[in-house]
N, C-alpha and C. Protein backbone atom coordinates (compact mmCIF):
# COMPACT_ATOMS: atom_id res chain seq x y z
N UNK A 1 -1.63 16.17 13.91
CA UNK A 1 -1.87 14.73 13.72
C UNK A 1 -1.21 13.95 14.87
N UNK A 2 -1.91 12.95 15.37
CA UNK A 2 -1.38 12.15 16.47
C UNK A 2 -1.28 10.68 16.05
N UNK A 3 -0.75 10.46 14.85
CA UNK A 3 -0.65 9.10 14.34
C UNK A 3 0.37 8.28 15.12
N UNK A 4 0.09 7.01 15.29
CA UNK A 4 0.98 6.13 16.05
C UNK A 4 2.20 5.71 15.25
N UNK A 5 2.13 5.85 13.92
CA UNK A 5 3.28 5.59 13.05
C UNK A 5 3.24 6.62 11.93
N UNK A 6 4.40 7.07 11.50
CA UNK A 6 4.45 8.06 10.43
C UNK A 6 4.35 7.38 9.07
N UNK A 7 3.71 8.02 8.09
CA UNK A 7 3.64 7.44 6.75
C UNK A 7 5.02 7.11 6.19
N UNK A 8 6.02 7.93 6.52
CA UNK A 8 7.38 7.67 6.04
C UNK A 8 7.89 6.32 6.54
N UNK A 9 7.51 5.94 7.75
CA UNK A 9 7.93 4.65 8.30
C UNK A 9 7.25 3.50 7.59
N UNK A 10 6.00 3.70 7.19
CA UNK A 10 5.29 2.67 6.43
C UNK A 10 5.98 2.46 5.08
N UNK A 11 6.27 3.56 4.40
CA UNK A 11 6.93 3.48 3.09
C UNK A 11 8.31 2.83 3.21
N UNK A 12 9.02 3.15 4.29
CA UNK A 12 10.39 2.66 4.44
C UNK A 12 10.46 1.20 4.87
N UNK A 13 9.36 0.66 5.35
CA UNK A 13 9.38 -0.68 5.92
C UNK A 13 9.46 -1.80 4.88
N UNK A 14 9.14 -1.50 3.61
CA UNK A 14 9.17 -2.54 2.58
C UNK A 14 9.37 -1.91 1.21
N UNK A 15 10.20 -2.53 0.36
CA UNK A 15 10.37 -2.01 -0.99
C UNK A 15 9.14 -2.20 -1.86
N UNK A 16 8.28 -3.14 -1.45
CA UNK A 16 7.04 -3.41 -2.17
C UNK A 16 5.91 -3.58 -1.16
N UNK A 17 4.79 -2.94 -1.41
CA UNK A 17 3.60 -3.13 -0.58
C UNK A 17 2.62 -4.01 -1.36
N UNK A 18 2.40 -5.24 -0.92
CA UNK A 18 1.48 -6.12 -1.64
C UNK A 18 0.03 -5.68 -1.46
N UNK A 19 -0.69 -5.61 -2.55
CA UNK A 19 -2.11 -5.26 -2.51
C UNK A 19 -2.89 -6.57 -2.45
N UNK A 20 -3.49 -6.85 -1.30
CA UNK A 20 -4.08 -8.16 -1.03
C UNK A 20 -5.60 -8.09 -1.06
N UNK A 21 -6.20 -8.81 -1.99
CA UNK A 21 -7.66 -8.94 -2.06
C UNK A 21 -7.99 -10.32 -1.49
N UNK A 22 -8.45 -10.36 -0.26
CA UNK A 22 -8.67 -11.63 0.44
C UNK A 22 -10.15 -11.97 0.44
N UNK A 23 -10.47 -13.06 -0.23
CA UNK A 23 -11.87 -13.47 -0.34
C UNK A 23 -12.28 -14.44 0.75
N UNK A 24 -11.31 -15.18 1.31
CA UNK A 24 -11.60 -16.15 2.36
C UNK A 24 -10.75 -15.82 3.58
N UNK A 25 -11.39 -15.66 4.72
CA UNK A 25 -10.66 -15.30 5.93
C UNK A 25 -9.58 -16.32 6.25
N UNK A 26 -9.85 -17.58 5.95
CA UNK A 26 -8.87 -18.62 6.28
C UNK A 26 -7.58 -18.50 5.48
N UNK A 27 -7.61 -17.71 4.40
CA UNK A 27 -6.39 -17.50 3.61
C UNK A 27 -5.52 -16.39 4.18
N UNK A 28 -6.08 -15.57 5.06
CA UNK A 28 -5.40 -14.34 5.47
C UNK A 28 -4.05 -14.60 6.13
N UNK A 29 -4.03 -15.38 7.18
CA UNK A 29 -2.79 -15.59 7.92
C UNK A 29 -1.77 -16.39 7.11
N UNK A 30 -2.16 -17.49 6.44
CA UNK A 30 -1.16 -18.19 5.61
C UNK A 30 -0.58 -17.29 4.52
N UNK A 31 -1.39 -16.42 3.92
CA UNK A 31 -0.90 -15.52 2.88
C UNK A 31 0.10 -14.52 3.47
N UNK A 32 -0.25 -13.96 4.61
CA UNK A 32 0.64 -13.00 5.26
C UNK A 32 1.95 -13.67 5.68
N UNK A 33 1.86 -14.88 6.19
CA UNK A 33 3.08 -15.59 6.60
C UNK A 33 3.95 -15.90 5.39
N UNK A 34 3.33 -16.24 4.27
CA UNK A 34 4.10 -16.52 3.06
C UNK A 34 4.83 -15.27 2.58
N UNK A 35 4.15 -14.14 2.64
CA UNK A 35 4.78 -12.87 2.27
C UNK A 35 5.92 -12.53 3.23
N UNK A 36 5.68 -12.73 4.53
CA UNK A 36 6.69 -12.42 5.54
C UNK A 36 7.93 -13.29 5.36
N UNK A 37 7.72 -14.56 5.04
CA UNK A 37 8.86 -15.45 4.81
C UNK A 37 9.67 -15.04 3.59
N UNK A 38 8.98 -14.35 2.67
CA UNK A 38 9.68 -13.88 1.47
C UNK A 38 10.32 -12.52 1.65
N UNK A 39 10.09 -11.88 2.81
CA UNK A 39 10.75 -10.61 3.09
C UNK A 39 9.88 -9.38 3.11
N UNK A 40 8.55 -9.56 3.03
CA UNK A 40 7.64 -8.42 3.08
C UNK A 40 6.77 -8.53 4.33
N UNK A 41 6.80 -7.49 5.16
CA UNK A 41 6.02 -7.51 6.40
C UNK A 41 5.08 -6.31 6.50
N UNK A 42 4.79 -5.69 5.36
CA UNK A 42 3.80 -4.61 5.28
C UNK A 42 2.70 -5.08 4.34
N UNK A 43 1.47 -5.07 4.80
CA UNK A 43 0.38 -5.64 4.02
C UNK A 43 -0.76 -4.63 3.84
N UNK A 44 -1.21 -4.47 2.61
CA UNK A 44 -2.41 -3.67 2.35
C UNK A 44 -3.57 -4.60 2.02
N UNK A 45 -4.50 -4.72 2.94
CA UNK A 45 -5.70 -5.54 2.75
C UNK A 45 -6.81 -4.64 2.22
N UNK A 46 -7.22 -4.86 0.99
CA UNK A 46 -8.23 -3.98 0.41
C UNK A 46 -9.62 -4.31 0.96
N UNK A 47 -10.40 -3.27 1.17
CA UNK A 47 -11.77 -3.46 1.66
C UNK A 47 -12.72 -3.69 0.50
N UNK A 48 -12.35 -4.63 -0.36
CA UNK A 48 -13.17 -4.94 -1.53
C UNK A 48 -14.01 -6.20 -1.34
N UNK A 49 -13.79 -6.89 -0.23
CA UNK A 49 -14.50 -8.15 0.00
C UNK A 49 -15.11 -8.16 1.39
N UNK A 50 -16.14 -8.97 1.60
CA UNK A 50 -16.74 -9.08 2.93
C UNK A 50 -15.77 -9.61 3.98
N UNK A 51 -14.72 -10.31 3.53
CA UNK A 51 -13.77 -10.92 4.47
C UNK A 51 -12.68 -9.96 4.92
N UNK A 52 -12.61 -8.78 4.34
CA UNK A 52 -11.44 -7.91 4.53
C UNK A 52 -11.19 -7.52 5.99
N UNK A 53 -12.20 -7.05 6.69
CA UNK A 53 -11.99 -6.60 8.06
C UNK A 53 -11.59 -7.76 8.97
N UNK A 54 -12.22 -8.91 8.79
CA UNK A 54 -11.85 -10.08 9.58
C UNK A 54 -10.43 -10.54 9.23
N UNK A 55 -10.04 -10.38 7.98
CA UNK A 55 -8.68 -10.73 7.56
C UNK A 55 -7.66 -9.82 8.25
N UNK A 56 -7.95 -8.53 8.29
CA UNK A 56 -7.07 -7.59 9.00
C UNK A 56 -6.96 -7.98 10.46
N UNK A 57 -8.08 -8.29 11.06
CA UNK A 57 -8.11 -8.66 12.48
C UNK A 57 -7.27 -9.93 12.72
N UNK A 58 -7.40 -10.90 11.83
CA UNK A 58 -6.68 -12.16 12.00
C UNK A 58 -5.17 -11.97 11.85
N UNK A 59 -4.76 -11.20 10.85
CA UNK A 59 -3.33 -10.98 10.63
C UNK A 59 -2.73 -10.14 11.76
N UNK A 60 -3.45 -9.13 12.20
CA UNK A 60 -2.96 -8.28 13.29
C UNK A 60 -2.73 -9.10 14.56
N UNK A 61 -3.59 -10.08 14.78
CA UNK A 61 -3.46 -10.92 15.98
C UNK A 61 -2.36 -11.96 15.83
N UNK A 62 -2.23 -12.54 14.65
CA UNK A 62 -1.28 -13.62 14.44
C UNK A 62 0.15 -13.14 14.19
N UNK A 63 0.28 -11.95 13.57
CA UNK A 63 1.60 -11.42 13.24
C UNK A 63 1.73 -9.98 13.75
N UNK A 64 1.76 -9.80 15.07
CA UNK A 64 1.77 -8.45 15.64
C UNK A 64 3.01 -7.64 15.29
N UNK A 65 4.07 -8.32 14.87
CA UNK A 65 5.31 -7.62 14.53
C UNK A 65 5.27 -7.01 13.14
N UNK A 66 4.23 -7.32 12.37
CA UNK A 66 4.11 -6.79 11.01
C UNK A 66 3.24 -5.53 11.01
N UNK A 67 3.21 -4.86 9.88
CA UNK A 67 2.35 -3.69 9.71
C UNK A 67 1.22 -4.05 8.74
N UNK A 68 0.06 -4.30 9.29
CA UNK A 68 -1.09 -4.62 8.46
C UNK A 68 -1.93 -3.37 8.31
N UNK A 69 -2.29 -3.06 7.06
CA UNK A 69 -3.07 -1.87 6.79
C UNK A 69 -4.30 -2.20 5.97
N UNK A 70 -5.13 -1.20 5.78
CA UNK A 70 -6.35 -1.36 4.99
C UNK A 70 -6.27 -0.49 3.75
N UNK A 71 -6.70 -1.03 2.62
CA UNK A 71 -6.76 -0.29 1.38
C UNK A 71 -8.20 -0.12 0.92
N UNK A 72 -8.39 0.66 -0.12
CA UNK A 72 -9.72 0.96 -0.68
C UNK A 72 -10.65 1.52 0.39
N UNK A 73 -10.10 2.36 1.25
CA UNK A 73 -10.90 3.03 2.29
C UNK A 73 -11.45 4.32 1.69
N UNK A 74 -12.76 4.47 1.70
CA UNK A 74 -13.42 5.57 1.01
C UNK A 74 -14.09 6.57 1.94
N UNK A 75 -14.42 6.16 3.16
CA UNK A 75 -15.22 7.00 4.04
C UNK A 75 -14.65 7.01 5.46
N UNK A 76 -15.02 8.01 6.26
CA UNK A 76 -14.61 8.00 7.66
C UNK A 76 -15.08 6.75 8.40
N UNK A 77 -16.26 6.27 8.05
CA UNK A 77 -16.78 5.06 8.70
C UNK A 77 -15.89 3.85 8.41
N UNK A 78 -15.42 3.73 7.17
CA UNK A 78 -14.52 2.64 6.83
C UNK A 78 -13.17 2.81 7.51
N UNK A 79 -12.71 4.05 7.61
CA UNK A 79 -11.46 4.32 8.33
C UNK A 79 -11.58 3.79 9.76
N UNK A 80 -12.66 4.15 10.44
CA UNK A 80 -12.84 3.74 11.83
C UNK A 80 -12.94 2.23 11.96
N UNK A 81 -13.65 1.59 11.03
CA UNK A 81 -13.81 0.14 11.09
C UNK A 81 -12.47 -0.56 10.89
N UNK A 82 -11.66 -0.04 9.98
CA UNK A 82 -10.35 -0.64 9.71
C UNK A 82 -9.43 -0.48 10.91
N UNK A 83 -9.45 0.70 11.52
CA UNK A 83 -8.62 0.93 12.71
C UNK A 83 -9.05 0.01 13.84
N UNK A 84 -10.36 -0.14 14.01
CA UNK A 84 -10.88 -1.03 15.06
C UNK A 84 -10.44 -2.47 14.83
N UNK A 85 -10.31 -2.86 13.56
CA UNK A 85 -9.90 -4.22 13.23
C UNK A 85 -8.40 -4.43 13.43
N UNK A 86 -7.64 -3.34 13.55
CA UNK A 86 -6.21 -3.47 13.79
C UNK A 86 -5.32 -2.88 12.72
N UNK A 87 -5.88 -2.15 11.77
CA UNK A 87 -5.08 -1.57 10.69
C UNK A 87 -4.16 -0.47 11.24
N UNK A 88 -2.87 -0.61 10.95
CA UNK A 88 -1.89 0.36 11.43
C UNK A 88 -1.69 1.51 10.45
N UNK A 89 -2.17 1.34 9.24
CA UNK A 89 -2.17 2.43 8.26
C UNK A 89 -3.35 2.24 7.33
N UNK A 90 -3.75 3.33 6.67
CA UNK A 90 -4.92 3.33 5.81
C UNK A 90 -4.54 3.89 4.45
N UNK A 91 -4.99 3.24 3.39
CA UNK A 91 -4.72 3.70 2.03
C UNK A 91 -6.04 3.87 1.29
N UNK A 92 -6.13 4.95 0.53
CA UNK A 92 -7.33 5.21 -0.25
C UNK A 92 -6.97 5.38 -1.72
N UNK A 93 -7.85 4.99 -2.64
CA UNK A 93 -7.56 5.18 -4.06
C UNK A 93 -7.60 6.64 -4.48
N UNK A 94 -8.26 7.46 -3.67
CA UNK A 94 -8.34 8.89 -3.90
C UNK A 94 -8.50 9.55 -2.54
N UNK A 95 -9.27 10.63 -2.49
CA UNK A 95 -9.54 11.24 -1.19
C UNK A 95 -10.72 12.19 -1.29
N UNK A 96 -11.27 12.47 -0.14
CA UNK A 96 -12.18 13.60 0.02
C UNK A 96 -11.64 14.41 1.19
N UNK A 97 -11.99 15.68 1.23
CA UNK A 97 -11.56 16.50 2.37
C UNK A 97 -12.12 15.94 3.67
N UNK A 98 -13.32 15.40 3.60
CA UNK A 98 -13.95 14.83 4.80
C UNK A 98 -13.11 13.68 5.33
N UNK A 99 -12.67 12.79 4.44
CA UNK A 99 -11.86 11.65 4.86
C UNK A 99 -10.52 12.12 5.42
N UNK A 100 -9.88 13.06 4.74
CA UNK A 100 -8.56 13.50 5.20
C UNK A 100 -8.64 14.23 6.54
N UNK A 101 -9.64 15.05 6.73
CA UNK A 101 -9.79 15.74 8.00
C UNK A 101 -10.08 14.75 9.13
N UNK A 102 -10.89 13.74 8.84
CA UNK A 102 -11.21 12.72 9.83
C UNK A 102 -9.96 11.93 10.21
N UNK A 103 -9.18 11.54 9.22
CA UNK A 103 -8.00 10.73 9.48
C UNK A 103 -6.94 11.48 10.27
N UNK A 104 -6.89 12.80 10.11
CA UNK A 104 -5.92 13.61 10.86
C UNK A 104 -6.14 13.48 12.37
N UNK A 105 -7.36 13.14 12.77
CA UNK A 105 -7.69 13.03 14.20
C UNK A 105 -7.57 11.58 14.70
N UNK A 106 -7.31 10.64 13.79
CA UNK A 106 -7.28 9.24 14.17
C UNK A 106 -5.88 8.75 14.50
N UNK A 107 -5.74 7.48 14.90
CA UNK A 107 -4.45 6.93 15.31
C UNK A 107 -3.60 6.39 14.16
N UNK A 108 -4.23 6.10 13.02
CA UNK A 108 -3.50 5.46 11.92
C UNK A 108 -3.37 6.43 10.74
N UNK A 109 -2.18 6.51 10.15
CA UNK A 109 -1.97 7.45 9.05
C UNK A 109 -2.76 7.07 7.81
N UNK A 110 -3.23 8.09 7.12
CA UNK A 110 -3.91 7.90 5.84
C UNK A 110 -2.93 8.23 4.72
N UNK A 111 -2.86 7.36 3.73
CA UNK A 111 -2.08 7.60 2.53
C UNK A 111 -3.08 7.75 1.39
N UNK A 112 -3.40 8.99 1.01
CA UNK A 112 -4.43 9.22 -0.01
C UNK A 112 -3.90 8.96 -1.41
N UNK A 113 -4.80 8.60 -2.31
CA UNK A 113 -4.45 8.42 -3.70
C UNK A 113 -4.59 9.72 -4.48
N UNK A 114 -3.64 9.95 -5.39
CA UNK A 114 -3.67 11.16 -6.22
C UNK A 114 -3.27 10.80 -7.64
N UNK A 115 -3.64 11.69 -8.58
CA UNK A 115 -3.28 11.46 -9.98
C UNK A 115 -2.88 12.74 -10.70
N UNK A 116 -3.11 13.90 -10.07
CA UNK A 116 -2.86 15.18 -10.75
C UNK A 116 -2.12 16.14 -9.83
N UNK A 117 -1.47 17.16 -10.40
CA UNK A 117 -0.81 18.16 -9.56
C UNK A 117 -1.78 18.87 -8.61
N UNK A 118 -2.98 19.15 -9.07
CA UNK A 118 -3.95 19.83 -8.22
C UNK A 118 -4.33 18.98 -7.02
N UNK A 119 -4.49 17.69 -7.24
CA UNK A 119 -4.80 16.79 -6.12
C UNK A 119 -3.65 16.74 -5.13
N UNK A 120 -2.43 16.72 -5.64
CA UNK A 120 -1.26 16.69 -4.76
C UNK A 120 -1.19 17.98 -3.94
N UNK A 121 -1.44 19.11 -4.59
CA UNK A 121 -1.42 20.40 -3.89
C UNK A 121 -2.49 20.47 -2.80
N UNK A 122 -3.66 19.92 -3.09
CA UNK A 122 -4.72 19.91 -2.09
C UNK A 122 -4.32 19.03 -0.91
N UNK A 123 -3.72 17.87 -1.20
CA UNK A 123 -3.26 16.99 -0.14
C UNK A 123 -2.21 17.69 0.73
N UNK A 124 -1.28 18.38 0.09
CA UNK A 124 -0.25 19.11 0.83
C UNK A 124 -0.88 20.18 1.71
N UNK A 125 -1.86 20.85 1.19
CA UNK A 125 -2.55 21.91 1.95
C UNK A 125 -3.15 21.37 3.23
N UNK A 126 -3.56 20.10 3.20
CA UNK A 126 -4.18 19.48 4.37
C UNK A 126 -3.18 18.69 5.21
N UNK A 127 -1.89 18.78 4.85
CA UNK A 127 -0.85 18.17 5.69
C UNK A 127 -0.38 16.80 5.26
N UNK A 128 -0.73 16.37 4.05
CA UNK A 128 -0.36 15.04 3.57
C UNK A 128 0.74 15.14 2.52
N UNK A 129 1.89 14.50 2.79
CA UNK A 129 2.99 14.55 1.82
C UNK A 129 3.52 13.16 1.45
N UNK A 130 2.85 12.10 1.90
CA UNK A 130 3.14 10.73 1.47
C UNK A 130 1.88 10.20 0.82
N UNK A 131 1.95 9.99 -0.49
CA UNK A 131 0.75 9.76 -1.28
C UNK A 131 0.88 8.53 -2.17
N UNK A 132 -0.27 8.03 -2.58
CA UNK A 132 -0.34 6.91 -3.52
C UNK A 132 -0.63 7.47 -4.91
N UNK A 133 0.22 7.18 -5.88
CA UNK A 133 -0.03 7.59 -7.26
C UNK A 133 -0.81 6.46 -7.91
N UNK A 134 -2.09 6.72 -8.21
CA UNK A 134 -3.00 5.65 -8.62
C UNK A 134 -4.05 6.15 -9.59
N UNK A 135 -4.40 5.32 -10.60
CA UNK A 135 -3.71 4.10 -11.02
C UNK A 135 -2.48 4.46 -11.86
N UNK A 136 -1.34 3.99 -11.46
CA UNK A 136 -0.08 4.49 -11.99
C UNK A 136 0.06 4.36 -13.50
N UNK A 137 -0.07 3.16 -14.00
CA UNK A 137 0.13 2.96 -15.44
C UNK A 137 -0.94 3.64 -16.27
N UNK A 138 -2.18 3.58 -15.84
CA UNK A 138 -3.27 4.21 -16.58
C UNK A 138 -3.13 5.73 -16.61
N UNK A 139 -2.40 6.28 -15.65
CA UNK A 139 -2.20 7.73 -15.59
C UNK A 139 -0.90 8.17 -16.25
N UNK A 140 -0.30 7.30 -17.05
CA UNK A 140 0.89 7.70 -17.79
C UNK A 140 2.18 7.09 -17.29
N UNK A 141 2.09 6.29 -16.24
CA UNK A 141 3.26 5.56 -15.79
C UNK A 141 4.34 6.43 -15.15
N UNK A 142 5.55 5.89 -15.15
CA UNK A 142 6.66 6.56 -14.49
C UNK A 142 6.98 7.90 -15.13
N UNK A 143 6.84 7.99 -16.45
CA UNK A 143 7.13 9.26 -17.14
C UNK A 143 6.20 10.37 -16.66
N UNK A 144 4.93 10.03 -16.49
CA UNK A 144 3.97 11.02 -16.00
C UNK A 144 4.27 11.42 -14.56
N UNK A 145 4.57 10.43 -13.73
CA UNK A 145 4.87 10.73 -12.33
C UNK A 145 6.11 11.62 -12.22
N UNK A 146 7.10 11.34 -13.03
CA UNK A 146 8.32 12.16 -13.02
C UNK A 146 8.00 13.62 -13.33
N UNK A 147 7.18 13.83 -14.33
CA UNK A 147 6.82 15.19 -14.72
C UNK A 147 5.95 15.87 -13.67
N UNK A 148 4.98 15.13 -13.15
CA UNK A 148 4.06 15.70 -12.15
C UNK A 148 4.81 16.05 -10.87
N UNK A 149 5.74 15.19 -10.46
CA UNK A 149 6.42 15.37 -9.18
C UNK A 149 7.55 16.39 -9.24
N UNK A 150 8.01 16.74 -10.42
CA UNK A 150 9.17 17.62 -10.55
C UNK A 150 9.05 18.92 -9.74
N UNK A 151 7.92 19.62 -9.78
CA UNK A 151 7.81 20.86 -9.00
C UNK A 151 7.30 20.64 -7.57
N UNK A 152 7.17 19.37 -7.17
CA UNK A 152 6.61 19.03 -5.86
C UNK A 152 7.57 18.11 -5.12
N UNK A 153 8.79 18.58 -4.96
CA UNK A 153 9.88 17.73 -4.45
C UNK A 153 9.68 17.27 -3.02
N UNK A 154 8.78 17.90 -2.28
CA UNK A 154 8.58 17.53 -0.88
C UNK A 154 7.69 16.30 -0.70
N UNK A 155 7.18 15.76 -1.81
CA UNK A 155 6.22 14.65 -1.73
C UNK A 155 6.91 13.33 -2.08
N UNK A 156 6.55 12.28 -1.33
CA UNK A 156 6.99 10.92 -1.63
C UNK A 156 5.77 10.10 -2.05
N UNK A 157 6.01 9.19 -3.00
CA UNK A 157 4.91 8.43 -3.60
C UNK A 157 5.09 6.92 -3.49
N UNK A 158 3.94 6.25 -3.48
CA UNK A 158 3.87 4.80 -3.66
C UNK A 158 3.01 4.56 -4.90
N UNK A 159 3.63 4.45 -6.08
CA UNK A 159 2.84 4.18 -7.28
C UNK A 159 2.24 2.78 -7.22
N UNK A 160 0.98 2.68 -7.58
CA UNK A 160 0.24 1.41 -7.52
C UNK A 160 -0.73 1.37 -8.69
N UNK A 161 -0.89 0.19 -9.25
CA UNK A 161 -1.82 0.03 -10.37
C UNK A 161 -1.06 -0.20 -11.66
N UNK A 162 -0.86 -1.47 -12.00
CA UNK A 162 -0.14 -1.80 -13.21
C UNK A 162 1.36 -1.92 -13.03
N UNK A 163 1.85 -1.76 -11.81
CA UNK A 163 3.28 -1.92 -11.56
C UNK A 163 3.62 -3.41 -11.58
N UNK A 164 4.69 -3.76 -12.28
CA UNK A 164 5.06 -5.16 -12.46
C UNK A 164 6.58 -5.26 -12.63
N UNK A 165 7.12 -6.47 -12.67
CA UNK A 165 8.57 -6.61 -12.90
C UNK A 165 9.02 -5.97 -14.20
N UNK A 166 8.12 -5.81 -15.15
CA UNK A 166 8.49 -5.25 -16.46
C UNK A 166 8.73 -3.74 -16.41
N UNK A 167 8.08 -3.06 -15.47
CA UNK A 167 8.21 -1.60 -15.45
C UNK A 167 8.65 -1.03 -14.10
N UNK A 168 8.84 -1.89 -13.10
CA UNK A 168 9.14 -1.38 -11.77
C UNK A 168 10.44 -0.58 -11.74
N UNK A 169 11.40 -0.93 -12.60
CA UNK A 169 12.66 -0.19 -12.63
C UNK A 169 12.45 1.28 -12.96
N UNK A 170 11.48 1.56 -13.82
CA UNK A 170 11.20 2.95 -14.21
C UNK A 170 10.72 3.77 -13.02
N UNK A 171 9.93 3.13 -12.16
CA UNK A 171 9.43 3.83 -10.98
C UNK A 171 10.51 3.98 -9.90
N UNK A 172 11.24 2.91 -9.65
CA UNK A 172 12.25 2.93 -8.60
C UNK A 172 13.34 3.96 -8.91
N UNK A 173 13.54 4.23 -10.19
CA UNK A 173 14.57 5.20 -10.59
C UNK A 173 14.21 6.63 -10.21
N UNK A 174 12.95 6.87 -9.90
CA UNK A 174 12.51 8.22 -9.56
C UNK A 174 12.79 8.53 -8.09
N UNK A 175 13.37 9.67 -7.83
CA UNK A 175 13.68 10.05 -6.46
C UNK A 175 12.46 10.25 -5.59
N UNK A 176 11.33 10.51 -6.21
CA UNK A 176 10.10 10.75 -5.45
C UNK A 176 9.43 9.45 -5.01
N UNK A 177 9.88 8.32 -5.51
CA UNK A 177 9.24 7.03 -5.20
C UNK A 177 9.94 6.37 -4.01
N UNK A 178 9.19 6.16 -2.93
CA UNK A 178 9.75 5.54 -1.73
C UNK A 178 9.50 4.04 -1.67
N UNK A 179 8.39 3.62 -2.27
CA UNK A 179 8.05 2.20 -2.35
C UNK A 179 7.04 2.05 -3.48
N UNK A 180 6.72 0.82 -3.84
CA UNK A 180 5.73 0.58 -4.89
C UNK A 180 4.69 -0.41 -4.39
N UNK A 181 3.49 -0.30 -4.93
CA UNK A 181 2.44 -1.26 -4.61
C UNK A 181 2.24 -2.21 -5.77
N UNK A 182 2.02 -3.48 -5.46
CA UNK A 182 1.87 -4.45 -6.55
C UNK A 182 1.16 -5.71 -6.12
N UNK A 183 0.82 -6.50 -7.12
CA UNK A 183 0.12 -7.77 -6.88
C UNK A 183 0.82 -8.95 -7.53
N UNK A 184 1.95 -8.70 -8.21
CA UNK A 184 2.52 -9.78 -9.03
C UNK A 184 3.07 -10.94 -8.20
N UNK A 185 3.28 -10.73 -6.92
CA UNK A 185 3.73 -11.83 -6.06
C UNK A 185 2.56 -12.63 -5.48
N UNK A 186 1.34 -12.25 -5.89
CA UNK A 186 0.14 -12.89 -5.37
C UNK A 186 -0.76 -13.40 -6.49
N UNK A 187 -0.29 -14.34 -7.31
CA UNK A 187 -1.13 -14.85 -8.40
C UNK A 187 -2.37 -15.55 -7.86
N UNK A 188 -3.49 -15.32 -8.53
CA UNK A 188 -4.76 -15.86 -8.06
C UNK A 188 -4.76 -17.37 -7.96
N UNK A 189 -4.11 -18.04 -8.91
CA UNK A 189 -4.13 -19.51 -8.87
C UNK A 189 -3.40 -20.04 -7.65
N UNK A 190 -2.32 -19.38 -7.23
CA UNK A 190 -1.59 -19.82 -6.04
C UNK A 190 -2.43 -19.61 -4.79
N UNK A 191 -3.15 -18.49 -4.73
CA UNK A 191 -4.01 -18.23 -3.58
C UNK A 191 -5.16 -19.24 -3.54
N UNK A 192 -5.77 -19.50 -4.67
CA UNK A 192 -6.92 -20.40 -4.72
C UNK A 192 -6.57 -21.83 -4.32
N UNK A 193 -5.33 -22.23 -4.61
CA UNK A 193 -4.91 -23.60 -4.29
C UNK A 193 -4.11 -23.70 -3.01
N UNK A 194 -3.89 -22.56 -2.36
CA UNK A 194 -3.11 -22.57 -1.12
C UNK A 194 -1.65 -22.88 -1.34
N UNK A 195 -1.14 -22.48 -2.49
CA UNK A 195 0.27 -22.72 -2.81
C UNK A 195 1.11 -21.58 -2.24
N UNK A 196 1.28 -21.59 -0.94
CA UNK A 196 1.96 -20.49 -0.26
C UNK A 196 3.45 -20.49 -0.55
N UNK A 197 4.01 -21.64 -0.87
CA UNK A 197 5.45 -21.70 -1.19
C UNK A 197 5.75 -20.87 -2.44
N UNK A 198 4.87 -20.92 -3.41
CA UNK A 198 5.06 -20.12 -4.63
C UNK A 198 5.01 -18.63 -4.31
N UNK A 199 4.09 -18.24 -3.44
CA UNK A 199 3.98 -16.83 -3.05
C UNK A 199 5.25 -16.38 -2.33
N UNK A 200 5.79 -17.23 -1.46
CA UNK A 200 7.04 -16.89 -0.79
C UNK A 200 8.17 -16.72 -1.79
N UNK A 201 8.24 -17.63 -2.77
CA UNK A 201 9.30 -17.55 -3.78
C UNK A 201 9.17 -16.27 -4.62
N UNK A 202 7.95 -15.96 -5.05
CA UNK A 202 7.74 -14.75 -5.84
C UNK A 202 8.01 -13.48 -5.03
N UNK A 203 7.70 -13.55 -3.75
CA UNK A 203 7.96 -12.40 -2.87
C UNK A 203 9.46 -12.17 -2.72
N UNK A 204 10.20 -13.24 -2.52
CA UNK A 204 11.66 -13.12 -2.42
C UNK A 204 12.23 -12.48 -3.68
N UNK A 205 11.75 -12.93 -4.83
CA UNK A 205 12.24 -12.37 -6.10
C UNK A 205 11.86 -10.90 -6.24
N UNK A 206 10.65 -10.54 -5.80
CA UNK A 206 10.22 -9.15 -5.88
C UNK A 206 11.09 -8.25 -5.01
N UNK A 207 11.35 -8.69 -3.80
CA UNK A 207 12.20 -7.91 -2.88
C UNK A 207 13.61 -7.77 -3.43
N UNK A 208 14.15 -8.88 -3.91
CA UNK A 208 15.50 -8.85 -4.47
C UNK A 208 15.58 -7.93 -5.68
N UNK A 209 14.56 -7.97 -6.52
CA UNK A 209 14.54 -7.14 -7.72
C UNK A 209 14.54 -5.66 -7.36
N UNK A 210 13.62 -5.25 -6.52
CA UNK A 210 13.52 -3.83 -6.17
C UNK A 210 14.75 -3.36 -5.42
N UNK A 211 15.24 -4.17 -4.50
CA UNK A 211 16.44 -3.78 -3.76
C UNK A 211 17.64 -3.65 -4.67
N UNK A 212 17.74 -4.53 -5.67
CA UNK A 212 18.86 -4.45 -6.61
C UNK A 212 18.81 -3.19 -7.45
N UNK A 213 17.62 -2.72 -7.74
CA UNK A 213 17.43 -1.51 -8.54
C UNK A 213 17.80 -0.25 -7.76
N UNK A 214 17.79 -0.36 -6.44
CA UNK A 214 18.08 0.80 -5.60
C UNK A 214 19.57 0.94 -5.29
N UNK A 215 20.35 -0.07 -5.62
CA UNK A 215 21.79 -0.01 -5.30
C UNK A 215 22.51 0.92 -6.23
């Protein structure tokens, strides 16, 4: 693999990775700046909207010191499009061997999604040891991840899907968890009204919460 940044560095760069669904390109940079002011400079822009690639491009240009990545990447073609737009890392809700083999040859690391021991073993076989546990809560939450990860100590996870202030402590307590993915610092009403100050405040609280749990 000739990745320009290691997955471990992506995980280490922020205690929380915000999952950003950007519907309007004009929201991209203000949202990213609000998150950065709150202490988060790693962004996962999901490819769930027509604006996603342009949002990645805008944030990469406006905040070059941050790590902007693409989420919900399903195919090699989407991987290439995200990299071309400026994504420094790629996250998928799952994986295919085709996607993982393709990403091994690209410049940006792929963080595949997994939910079972067999999926984790397959990822390891192909050289991937930094993974997304998704959807975390629907798959049994922290208790399930603890049990699944016990015999796979070489793997680090970013649990995503249902993670919130109410349960984040359970995940952070696990030695296999390097960071968590979440949306609770990005309420839809604040985004819709351009209330970036609220997003900054919620981001600060999220960072403080997770950091306090790690002490």
